[in-house]
């Protein structure tokens, strides 16, 4: 089964300082989206917490790995909250420019089959990488872009881990 000693939960690179050039409400909205939209850190923290609990009895190594990855995602959530605050908005778990939509536990699936859980996690990581890459291409604040690019490294690492789990379990 998946070797927890091989589960390096994040990229081996330092995080840039959490700072912005100046307040910018458009960028703040992007950070809120990273915190509390369907594709968001809160969704990933919750998804991976759930997976760590339901896989624990039968797949201990997978459970431990998801637990640690959820902590990395919580760190990302904190970074995006700090950025949102510095950019000039209240870092609540909501998104939307004019009509705020609160984050909801309904944003994630709750399958019980281990392969379905990992497959959903793969899709979540791919969506986050696409979203953060798009933001890094459009945001003109080098501090935020550096942070996004660093977080993308973690998301790519998680994607690799989940793909390796799928191979071991022959989910494909």
Protein backbone atom coordinates (compact mmCIF):
# COMPACT_ATOMS: atom_id res chain seq x y z
CA UNK A 1 0.00 0.00 0.00
CA UNK A 2 1.03 3.64 -0.27
CA UNK A 3 4.18 4.20 1.78
CA UNK A 4 3.66 7.11 4.19
CA UNK A 5 7.43 7.52 4.35
CA UNK A 6 7.33 8.36 0.64
CA UNK A 7 4.47 10.84 1.01
CA UNK A 8 6.31 14.16 0.91
CA UNK A 9 3.29 16.39 1.38
CA UNK A 10 4.56 19.59 -0.19
CA UNK A 11 7.14 20.83 -2.64
CA UNK A 12 10.65 21.32 -1.35
CA UNK A 13 10.80 25.09 -1.80
CA UNK A 14 10.26 28.03 0.55
CA UNK A 15 7.08 30.08 0.40
CA UNK A 16 7.53 33.71 -0.64
CA UNK A 17 6.57 36.40 1.86
CA UNK A 18 2.83 37.07 2.03
CA UNK A 19 2.60 40.66 0.86
CA UNK A 20 1.03 42.73 -1.90
CA UNK A 21 2.05 45.84 -3.83
CA UNK A 22 -1.14 47.71 -2.92
CA UNK A 23 -4.82 47.11 -2.14
CA UNK A 24 -6.75 45.84 -5.14
CA UNK A 25 -10.35 44.67 -4.80
CA UNK A 26 -10.31 42.70 -8.06
CA UNK A 27 -7.34 40.66 -6.82
CA UNK A 28 -8.98 40.40 -3.41
CA UNK A 29 -12.01 38.78 -5.08
CA UNK A 30 -9.69 36.23 -6.69
CA UNK A 31 -8.18 35.40 -3.29
CA UNK A 32 -11.68 35.01 -1.79
CA UNK A 33 -12.48 32.62 -4.61
CA UNK A 34 -9.33 30.65 -3.77
CA UNK A 35 -10.56 30.45 -0.20
CA UNK A 36 -14.25 29.70 -0.52
CA UNK A 37 -15.45 28.80 -4.04
CA UNK A 38 -16.22 25.29 -5.28
CA UNK A 39 -12.59 25.04 -6.45
CA UNK A 40 -10.92 26.34 -3.29
CA UNK A 41 -8.64 25.55 -0.43
CA UNK A 42 -11.58 25.20 1.96
CA UNK A 43 -13.08 22.56 -0.33
CA UNK A 44 -9.75 20.71 -0.41
CA UNK A 45 -9.18 20.94 3.34
CA UNK A 46 -12.65 19.52 3.94
CA UNK A 47 -12.37 16.85 1.22
CA UNK A 48 -9.00 15.61 2.46
CA UNK A 49 -10.08 15.67 6.11
CA UNK A 50 -13.09 13.53 5.18
CA UNK A 51 -10.94 11.13 3.17
CA UNK A 52 -8.45 10.78 6.01
CA UNK A 53 -11.26 9.76 8.34
CA UNK A 54 -13.13 7.30 6.10
CA UNK A 55 -10.02 5.55 4.76
CA UNK A 56 -8.30 5.14 8.14
CA UNK A 57 -9.60 1.71 9.10
CA UNK A 58 -8.69 -0.07 5.86
CA UNK A 59 -6.06 2.18 4.25
CA UNK A 60 -4.00 3.60 7.12
CA UNK A 61 -1.15 4.91 4.95
CA UNK A 62 -3.53 6.69 2.59
CA UNK A 63 -5.39 8.15 5.57
CA UNK A 64 -2.20 9.55 7.09
CA UNK A 65 -1.12 11.01 3.76
CA UNK A 66 -4.48 12.76 3.20
CA UNK A 67 -4.35 14.11 6.75
CA UNK A 68 -0.98 15.73 6.14
CA UNK A 69 -2.01 17.06 2.73
CA UNK A 70 -5.09 18.65 4.35
CA UNK A 71 -2.72 20.56 6.64
CA UNK A 72 -0.76 21.84 3.62
CA UNK A 73 -4.06 22.95 2.06
CA UNK A 74 -4.95 24.71 5.32
CA UNK A 75 -1.68 26.61 5.05
CA UNK A 76 -2.69 27.68 1.53
CA UNK A 77 -6.08 28.78 2.89
CA UNK A 78 -4.32 30.93 5.47
CA UNK A 79 -2.05 32.48 2.84
CA UNK A 80 -5.01 33.41 0.63
CA UNK A 81 -6.85 34.87 3.65
CA UNK A 82 -3.84 37.04 4.52
CA UNK A 83 -3.61 38.20 0.90
CA UNK A 84 -7.33 39.00 0.77
CA UNK A 85 -7.01 41.10 3.92
CA UNK A 86 -3.95 42.96 2.60
CA UNK A 87 -5.74 43.52 -0.71
CA UNK A 88 -8.57 45.26 1.11
CA UNK A 89 -11.36 42.81 1.81
CA UNK A 90 -12.78 40.80 4.68
CA UNK A 91 -11.34 37.26 4.39
CA UNK A 92 -14.57 35.35 4.91
CA UNK A 93 -15.32 32.00 3.30
CA UNK A 94 -17.37 33.41 0.46
CA UNK A 95 -16.88 34.46 -3.13
CA UNK A 96 -18.55 36.56 -5.79
CA UNK A 97 -18.21 40.21 -6.67
CA UNK A 98 -21.71 41.59 -6.25
CA UNK A 99 -23.62 38.70 -4.71
CA UNK A 100 -21.60 36.82 -2.14
CA UNK A 101 -21.96 33.04 -2.02
CA UNK A 102 -20.85 31.36 1.19
CA UNK A 103 -18.66 28.28 1.05
CA UNK A 104 -20.69 25.12 1.60
CA UNK A 105 -19.86 21.51 2.47
CA UNK A 106 -22.07 20.62 -0.50
CA UNK A 107 -19.22 21.80 -2.75
CA UNK A 108 -17.47 18.44 -2.36
CA UNK A 109 -18.53 14.87 -3.04
CA UNK A 110 -18.64 12.24 -0.37
CA UNK A 111 -18.03 8.92 -2.12
CA UNK A 112 -16.96 6.04 0.11
CA UNK A 113 -15.07 3.95 -2.44
CA UNK A 114 -11.35 4.64 -2.05
CA UNK A 115 -10.75 4.86 -5.81
CA UNK A 116 -13.62 7.34 -6.20
CA UNK A 117 -12.21 9.42 -3.35
CA UNK A 118 -8.77 9.56 -4.90
CA UNK A 119 -10.12 10.20 -8.40
CA UNK A 120 -12.17 13.14 -7.10
CA UNK A 121 -9.00 14.45 -5.41
CA UNK A 122 -7.08 14.21 -8.69
CA UNK A 123 -9.77 16.26 -10.44
CA UNK A 124 -9.75 18.82 -7.61
CA UNK A 125 -5.98 19.27 -7.84
CA UNK A 126 -6.10 19.63 -11.63
CA UNK A 127 -8.83 22.28 -11.30
CA UNK A 128 -6.81 24.19 -8.68
CA UNK A 129 -3.70 24.13 -10.87
CA UNK A 130 -5.69 25.48 -13.83
CA UNK A 131 -7.28 28.20 -11.69
CA UNK A 132 -4.08 29.35 -10.00
CA UNK A 133 -2.16 29.24 -13.30
CA UNK A 134 -4.80 31.46 -14.93
CA UNK A 135 -4.55 33.87 -12.02
CA UNK A 136 -0.75 33.91 -12.17
CA UNK A 137 -1.00 34.78 -15.88
CA UNK A 138 -3.42 37.68 -15.34
CA UNK A 139 -2.48 39.24 -11.98
CA UNK A 140 0.07 42.06 -12.24
CA UNK A 141 1.34 41.95 -8.66
CA UNK A 142 4.62 40.02 -8.61
CA UNK A 143 4.23 39.13 -4.93
CA UNK A 144 0.90 37.40 -5.52
CA UNK A 145 2.16 35.70 -8.68
CA UNK A 146 5.16 34.29 -6.77
CA UNK A 147 2.85 32.92 -4.07
CA UNK A 148 0.47 31.41 -6.63
CA UNK A 149 3.37 29.75 -8.44
CA UNK A 150 4.69 28.33 -5.15
CA UNK A 151 1.27 26.96 -4.20
CA UNK A 152 0.96 25.42 -7.68
CA UNK A 153 4.12 23.40 -6.87
CA UNK A 154 2.34 21.90 -3.85
CA UNK A 155 -0.78 21.16 -5.89
CA UNK A 156 1.33 19.41 -8.53
CA UNK A 157 2.97 17.35 -5.79
CA UNK A 158 -0.45 16.36 -4.45
CA UNK A 159 -1.57 15.41 -7.95
CA UNK A 160 1.49 13.17 -8.31
CA UNK A 161 0.81 11.51 -4.94
CA UNK A 162 -2.83 10.84 -5.81
CA UNK A 163 -1.92 9.40 -9.21
CA UNK A 164 0.59 7.07 -7.54
CA UNK A 165 -2.12 5.96 -5.10
CA UNK A 166 -4.44 5.22 -8.01
CA UNK A 167 -1.78 3.15 -9.72
CA UNK A 168 -1.13 1.12 -6.58
CA UNK A 169 -4.84 0.49 -6.09
CA UNK A 170 -5.37 -0.07 -9.82
CA UNK A 171 -8.12 2.53 -9.93
CA UNK A 172 -7.66 3.29 -13.63
